[in-house]
Amino acid sequence: MTPILVPLDGSRLSEAIIPMAEALARDYEAGLLLVRALHPRGSLDAEVAIQKEAEGYLATLAGDLEARGLPNVRWKVWYDHPDRAIVDAARHNGATLIAMTTHGRGGLGRVLLGSVAESVVRRSPVPVLLVRGELSWTPGAIGRIVVPLDGSERSEAVLPLVERLAGPFDFTIDLLQAVEPLTPAAAAELSMESSDHIMGLRLADADAYLAKVAAALEAKGLRVRPEVRFGPAAQVILEYARRERPGLVAMSTHGRSGLNRLLLGSVAEHVLRGAPVPLLLWKAAAAHATGR
């Protein structure tokens, strides 16, 4: 049984992801793999003590999950830097998802498990579910998944994953596209009438694009709601998440040079910093892009 990997560092905040990981494991009949990364340092006696503490910590958490009736809970202590440990553990154990918590104070530069989320997302062979700070989420609360799109095949790379999440439970997929305002320089060169005409065409193109994507998903029996909004992408996504309160925002990243080169510019970092819901990131290499 393929597991969901949950990195932990011994803190209560890192454990905030556990209820969601537990619910996902139940819903999708997956196992859970609890991982704590240790970087060897100090004397042999100190290392032995740290390892025993880590093993006891993970065993206790695994026991609590098993006592709640969750089968197939495993744990491992992994010796390496946290980012490498998480990615290597996911690859070695055939994980289907990495689920982890971030501090949420200053974006991805202050990740709970060190500054590792950028490296994990960039290098991970599987999607990464990031939750900012304490998780205000309850089991069964996914219901709706928001997928920000920008008209590119790369942004659609996350859709097959969303289909697998939504299909068995009849979740609604909200396809969201932000139509950015004209830049001040471009607007200054155009008359008001021309500017309005151009924005009207861009909005119509976005409507047509989302309708096409929605039709392909609906043909597979999925419930879909296309939404076009006017404004900067990060602002649109955050406002939509705050107003609609979906269970999850799922989006693609380039995966080339970390989270400073996201598919939607630096949108995902801003979304994670301010989103009231979990964020699922999937590295969109060219080979993952879906054709239309």
Protein backbone atom coordinates (compact mmCIF):
# COMPACT_ATOMS: atom_id res chain seq x y z
CA MET A 1 0.00 0.00 0.00
CA THR A 2 1.54 3.29 -1.08
CA PRO A 3 1.91 5.74 1.81
CA ILE A 4 1.40 9.43 2.43
CA LEU A 5 4.66 10.73 3.89
CA VAL A 6 4.41 13.10 6.86
CA PRO A 7 7.66 14.86 7.89
CA LEU A 8 7.78 15.71 11.60
CA ASP A 9 10.28 17.54 13.79
CA GLY A 10 8.89 16.86 17.25
CA SER A 11 6.89 20.09 17.53
CA ARG A 12 3.15 20.52 17.92
CA LEU A 13 3.08 22.69 14.83
CA SER A 14 4.58 19.98 12.64
CA GLU A 15 1.86 17.65 13.92
CA ALA A 16 -0.90 20.02 12.76
CA ILE A 17 -0.91 18.24 9.39
CA ILE A 18 -1.67 14.84 10.93
CA PRO A 19 -5.51 15.13 11.03
CA MET A 20 -5.63 15.90 7.32
CA ALA A 21 -3.08 13.23 6.42
CA GLU A 22 -5.02 10.74 8.53
CA ALA A 23 -8.31 11.61 6.82
CA LEU A 24 -6.74 11.36 3.36
CA ALA A 25 -5.22 7.99 4.25
CA ARG A 26 -8.66 6.72 5.34
CA ASP A 27 -10.51 8.12 2.34
CA TYR A 28 -8.05 6.85 -0.25
CA GLU A 29 -7.02 3.65 1.56
CA ALA A 30 -3.40 4.72 1.74
CA GLY A 31 -0.82 4.06 4.40
CA LEU A 32 0.92 6.71 6.49
CA LEU A 33 4.68 7.01 6.82
CA LEU A 34 5.89 9.29 9.62
CA VAL A 35 9.45 10.51 9.04
CA ARG A 36 11.82 12.42 11.27
CA ALA A 37 15.06 13.64 9.75
CA LEU A 38 18.22 13.65 11.88
CA HIS A 39 21.49 15.24 10.80
CA PRO A 40 24.38 13.48 12.55
CA ARG A 41 26.39 15.75 14.80
CA GLY A 42 28.06 15.64 18.20
CA SER A 43 29.31 12.65 20.16
CA LEU A 44 28.22 9.04 19.65
CA ASP A 45 26.39 9.05 22.99
CA ALA A 46 24.49 12.19 21.98
CA GLU A 47 23.57 10.65 18.64
CA VAL A 48 22.27 7.49 20.31
CA ALA A 49 20.17 9.54 22.72
CA ILE A 50 18.73 11.67 19.91
CA GLN A 51 17.88 8.62 17.84
CA LYS A 52 16.15 6.92 20.76
CA GLU A 53 14.14 10.06 21.44
CA ALA A 54 13.13 10.31 17.77
CA GLU A 55 12.16 6.66 17.60
CA GLY A 56 10.09 6.92 20.76
CA TYR A 57 8.36 10.05 19.48
CA LEU A 58 7.41 8.50 16.13
CA ALA A 59 6.37 5.21 17.71
CA THR A 60 4.04 7.05 20.09
CA LEU A 61 2.37 8.98 17.28
CA ALA A 62 2.04 5.84 15.18
CA GLY A 63 0.50 4.03 18.14
CA ASP A 64 -2.05 6.81 18.62
CA LEU A 65 -3.06 6.59 14.95
CA GLU A 66 -3.36 2.82 15.10
CA ALA A 67 -5.46 3.12 18.26
CA ARG A 68 -7.87 5.28 16.25
CA GLY A 69 -8.27 2.39 13.81
CA LEU A 70 -5.91 3.55 11.07
CA PRO A 71 -4.09 0.57 9.55
CA ASN A 72 -0.72 0.59 7.83
CA VAL A 73 1.05 3.26 9.86
CA ARG A 74 4.82 3.10 9.67
CA TRP A 75 7.60 5.35 10.89
CA LYS A 76 11.26 5.89 10.03
CA VAL A 77 14.16 7.95 11.33
CA TRP A 78 16.12 9.18 8.31
CA TYR A 79 19.69 10.47 8.60
CA ASP A 80 20.35 13.37 6.26
CA HIS A 81 19.58 17.05 5.81
CA PRO A 82 15.78 17.48 6.08
CA ASP A 83 15.09 18.28 2.41
CA ARG A 84 17.12 15.33 1.13
CA ALA A 85 15.74 13.04 3.83
CA ILE A 86 12.13 13.87 2.94
CA VAL A 87 12.60 13.48 -0.82
CA ASP A 88 14.71 10.32 -0.50
CA ALA A 89 12.26 8.75 1.95
CA ALA A 90 9.38 9.53 -0.41
CA ARG A 91 11.20 8.02 -3.38
CA HIS A 92 12.52 4.97 -1.51
CA ASN A 93 9.12 4.12 0.01
CA GLY A 94 6.99 4.86 -3.04
CA ALA A 95 5.03 7.67 -1.37
CA THR A 96 2.09 9.13 -3.26
CA LEU A 97 2.10 12.47 -1.41
CA ILE A 98 4.23 14.51 0.99
CA ALA A 99 2.13 16.39 3.55
CA MET A 100 3.87 18.94 5.76
CA THR A 101 3.33 22.10 7.81
CA THR A 102 4.98 25.50 7.48
CA HIS A 103 5.33 28.30 10.01
CA GLY A 104 3.30 30.72 7.91
CA ARG A 105 5.01 33.80 9.35
CA GLY A 106 7.11 34.91 6.43
CA GLY A 107 6.25 32.66 3.52
CA LEU A 108 8.40 29.76 2.40
CA GLY A 109 11.58 31.23 3.86
CA ARG A 110 10.44 30.14 7.32
CA VAL A 111 9.45 26.54 6.89
CA LEU A 112 8.93 24.53 10.02
CA LEU A 113 11.43 21.83 9.07
CA GLY A 114 14.14 24.35 8.23
CA SER A 115 14.10 26.18 4.93
CA VAL A 116 13.34 23.00 3.04
CA ALA A 117 9.93 23.37 1.36
CA GLU A 118 11.40 25.03 -1.72
CA SER A 119 13.87 22.21 -2.20
CA VAL A 120 11.26 19.54 -1.46
CA VAL A 121 8.79 20.92 -4.01
CA ARG A 122 11.51 21.31 -6.62
CA ARG A 123 12.97 17.82 -6.14
CA SER A 124 10.00 15.76 -5.01
CA PRO A 125 8.83 12.92 -7.26
CA VAL A 126 5.30 13.34 -5.86
CA PRO A 127 2.92 16.25 -5.08
CA VAL A 128 3.56 18.25 -1.91
CA LEU A 129 0.71 19.36 0.37
CA LEU A 130 1.69 22.44 2.40
CA VAL A 131 -0.33 23.81 5.30
CA ARG A 132 0.50 27.21 6.73
CA GLY A 133 0.62 27.28 10.53
CA GLU A 134 -2.10 25.64 12.58
CA LEU A 135 -4.57 23.73 10.45
CA SER A 136 -8.13 25.07 10.62
CA TRP A 137 -9.54 22.00 8.91
CA THR A 138 -11.78 19.12 9.89
CA PRO A 139 -12.15 15.63 8.37
CA GLY A 140 -14.54 15.57 5.45
CA ALA A 141 -14.02 19.27 4.80
CA ILE A 142 -12.40 19.12 1.36
CA GLY A 143 -15.65 19.22 -0.63
CA ARG A 144 -14.30 21.67 -3.19
CA ILE A 145 -10.89 21.99 -4.81
CA VAL A 146 -9.81 25.26 -6.42
CA VAL A 147 -7.43 24.93 -9.37
CA PRO A 148 -5.88 28.23 -10.55
CA LEU A 149 -5.12 28.11 -14.29
CA ASP A 150 -3.40 30.59 -16.57
CA GLY A 151 -4.23 29.18 -20.00
CA SER A 152 -1.04 27.14 -20.30
CA GLU A 153 -0.58 23.39 -20.47
CA ARG A 154 1.84 23.60 -17.55
CA SER A 155 -0.83 25.03 -15.29
CA GLU A 156 -3.05 22.08 -16.25
CA ALA A 157 -0.44 19.52 -15.16
CA VAL A 158 -2.09 19.33 -11.73
CA LEU A 159 -5.49 18.36 -13.19
CA PRO A 160 -4.92 14.57 -13.37
CA LEU A 161 -4.06 14.62 -9.67
CA VAL A 162 -7.14 16.71 -8.89
CA GLU A 163 -9.28 14.28 -10.89
CA ARG A 164 -8.06 11.41 -8.71
CA LEU A 165 -8.80 13.38 -5.55
CA ALA A 166 -12.22 14.62 -6.62
CA GLY A 167 -13.65 11.72 -8.57
CA PRO A 168 -14.32 9.08 -5.89
CA PHE A 169 -16.02 11.57 -3.56
CA ASP A 170 -17.85 13.79 -6.03
CA PHE A 171 -15.98 16.90 -4.95
CA THR A 172 -16.53 20.06 -6.97
CA ILE A 173 -13.57 21.39 -8.94
CA ASP A 174 -13.48 25.18 -9.20
CA LEU A 175 -11.39 26.22 -12.20
CA LEU A 176 -10.20 29.75 -11.48
CA GLN A 177 -8.48 32.10 -13.92
CA ALA A 178 -7.37 35.61 -13.08
CA VAL A 179 -7.32 38.15 -15.89
CA GLU A 180 -4.60 40.60 -14.96
CA PRO A 181 -5.14 44.36 -15.49
CA LEU A 182 -3.19 46.06 -18.26
CA THR A 183 0.14 47.43 -17.13
CA PRO A 184 0.20 51.21 -16.58
CA ALA A 185 2.55 51.58 -19.55
CA ALA A 186 0.25 49.65 -21.86
CA ALA A 187 -2.85 51.43 -20.60
CA ALA A 188 -1.20 54.83 -21.13
CA GLU A 189 -0.73 54.09 -24.83
CA LEU A 190 -4.37 53.16 -25.36
CA SER A 191 -7.59 55.09 -25.28
CA MET A 192 -10.18 54.16 -22.69
CA GLU A 193 -12.29 52.59 -25.41
CA SER A 194 -9.38 50.50 -26.69
CA SER A 195 -8.43 49.42 -23.17
CA ASP A 196 -11.99 48.31 -22.45
CA HIS A 197 -12.11 46.44 -25.75
CA ILE A 198 -8.86 44.59 -25.05
CA MET A 199 -9.94 43.64 -21.53
CA GLY A 200 -13.27 42.44 -22.89
CA LEU A 201 -11.47 40.17 -25.36
CA ARG A 202 -9.20 38.81 -22.64
CA LEU A 203 -12.14 38.05 -20.37
CA ALA A 204 -13.96 36.33 -23.24
CA ASP A 205 -10.86 34.28 -24.05
CA ALA A 206 -10.59 33.21 -20.41
CA ASP A 207 -14.27 32.22 -20.34
CA ALA A 208 -13.85 30.15 -23.51
CA TYR A 209 -10.66 28.51 -22.24
CA LEU A 210 -12.16 27.49 -18.89
CA ALA A 211 -15.33 26.25 -20.60
CA LYS A 212 -13.20 23.96 -22.77
CA VAL A 213 -11.25 22.59 -19.80
CA ALA A 214 -14.46 22.19 -17.79
CA ALA A 215 -16.15 20.28 -20.61
CA ALA A 216 -13.28 17.78 -20.74
CA LEU A 217 -13.56 17.19 -16.99
CA GLU A 218 -17.34 16.98 -17.01
CA ALA A 219 -17.11 14.33 -19.74
CA LYS A 220 -15.34 12.20 -17.12
CA GLY A 221 -18.25 12.59 -14.72
CA LEU A 222 -16.69 15.31 -12.55
CA ARG A 223 -18.48 18.33 -11.15
CA VAL A 224 -16.83 21.53 -12.36
CA ARG A 225 -17.43 25.24 -11.87
CA PRO A 226 -15.41 27.65 -14.05
CA GLU A 227 -14.75 31.09 -12.57
CA VAL A 228 -13.07 34.06 -14.25
CA ARG A 229 -12.05 36.97 -12.05
CA PHE A 230 -10.42 40.29 -12.82
CA GLY A 231 -7.30 41.25 -10.87
CA PRO A 232 -3.76 40.18 -9.96
CA ALA A 233 -3.54 36.39 -9.77
CA ALA A 234 -2.42 36.04 -6.14
CA GLN A 235 -5.03 38.53 -4.95
CA VAL A 236 -7.76 36.78 -6.93
CA ILE A 237 -6.85 33.35 -5.56
CA LEU A 238 -6.64 34.54 -1.96
CA GLU A 239 -9.90 36.47 -2.10
CA TYR A 240 -11.63 33.51 -3.70
CA ALA A 241 -10.27 31.12 -1.05
CA ARG A 242 -11.31 33.42 1.79
CA ARG A 243 -14.79 33.96 0.42
CA GLU A 244 -15.58 30.46 -0.84
CA ARG A 245 -13.60 28.50 1.80
CA PRO A 246 -12.71 25.49 -0.37
CA GLY A 247 -11.03 22.52 1.22
CA LEU A 248 -7.93 22.78 -0.95
CA VAL A 249 -6.13 24.95 -3.51
CA ALA A 250 -4.17 22.85 -6.03
CA MET A 251 -1.72 24.40 -8.47
CA SER A 252 1.30 23.60 -10.63
CA THR A 253 4.84 24.92 -10.38
CA HIS A 254 7.59 24.90 -12.97
CA GLY A 255 9.90 22.94 -10.70
CA ARG A 256 13.00 24.38 -12.42
CA SER A 257 14.57 26.67 -9.85
CA GLY A 258 12.43 26.49 -6.76
CA LEU A 259 9.47 28.48 -5.66
CA ASN A 260 10.81 31.79 -6.92
CA ARG A 261 9.98 30.56 -10.44
CA LEU A 262 6.44 29.40 -10.07
CA LEU A 263 4.17 28.83 -13.00
CA LEU A 264 2.09 31.86 -12.09
CA GLY A 265 5.07 34.06 -11.31
CA SER A 266 5.56 34.20 -7.53
CA VAL A 267 1.89 33.51 -6.97
CA ALA A 268 2.15 30.28 -5.00
CA GLU A 269 4.42 31.81 -2.37
CA HIS A 270 1.92 34.64 -1.83
CA VAL A 271 -0.96 32.17 -1.75
CA LEU A 272 0.76 30.00 0.85
CA ARG A 273 1.60 33.05 2.95
CA GLY A 274 -2.02 34.18 3.11
CA ALA A 275 -4.27 31.24 2.23
CA PRO A 276 -6.75 30.08 4.86
CA VAL A 277 -6.74 26.57 3.33
CA PRO A 278 -4.13 23.92 2.47
CA LEU A 279 -2.12 24.33 -0.74
CA LEU A 280 -1.22 21.37 -2.95
CA LEU A 281 1.77 21.99 -5.24
CA TRP A 282 2.74 19.75 -8.11
CA LYS A 283 5.96 20.18 -10.06
CA ALA A 284 5.03 20.63 -13.71
CA ALA A 285 7.87 19.46 -15.92
CA ALA A 286 7.32 19.61 -19.66
CA ALA A 287 6.66 15.89 -19.71
CA HIS A 288 3.79 16.36 -17.27
CA ALA A 289 1.96 18.95 -19.33
CA THR A 290 -1.35 17.83 -20.74
CA GLY A 291 -2.14 18.37 -24.37
CA ARG A 292 -5.34 19.85 -25.67
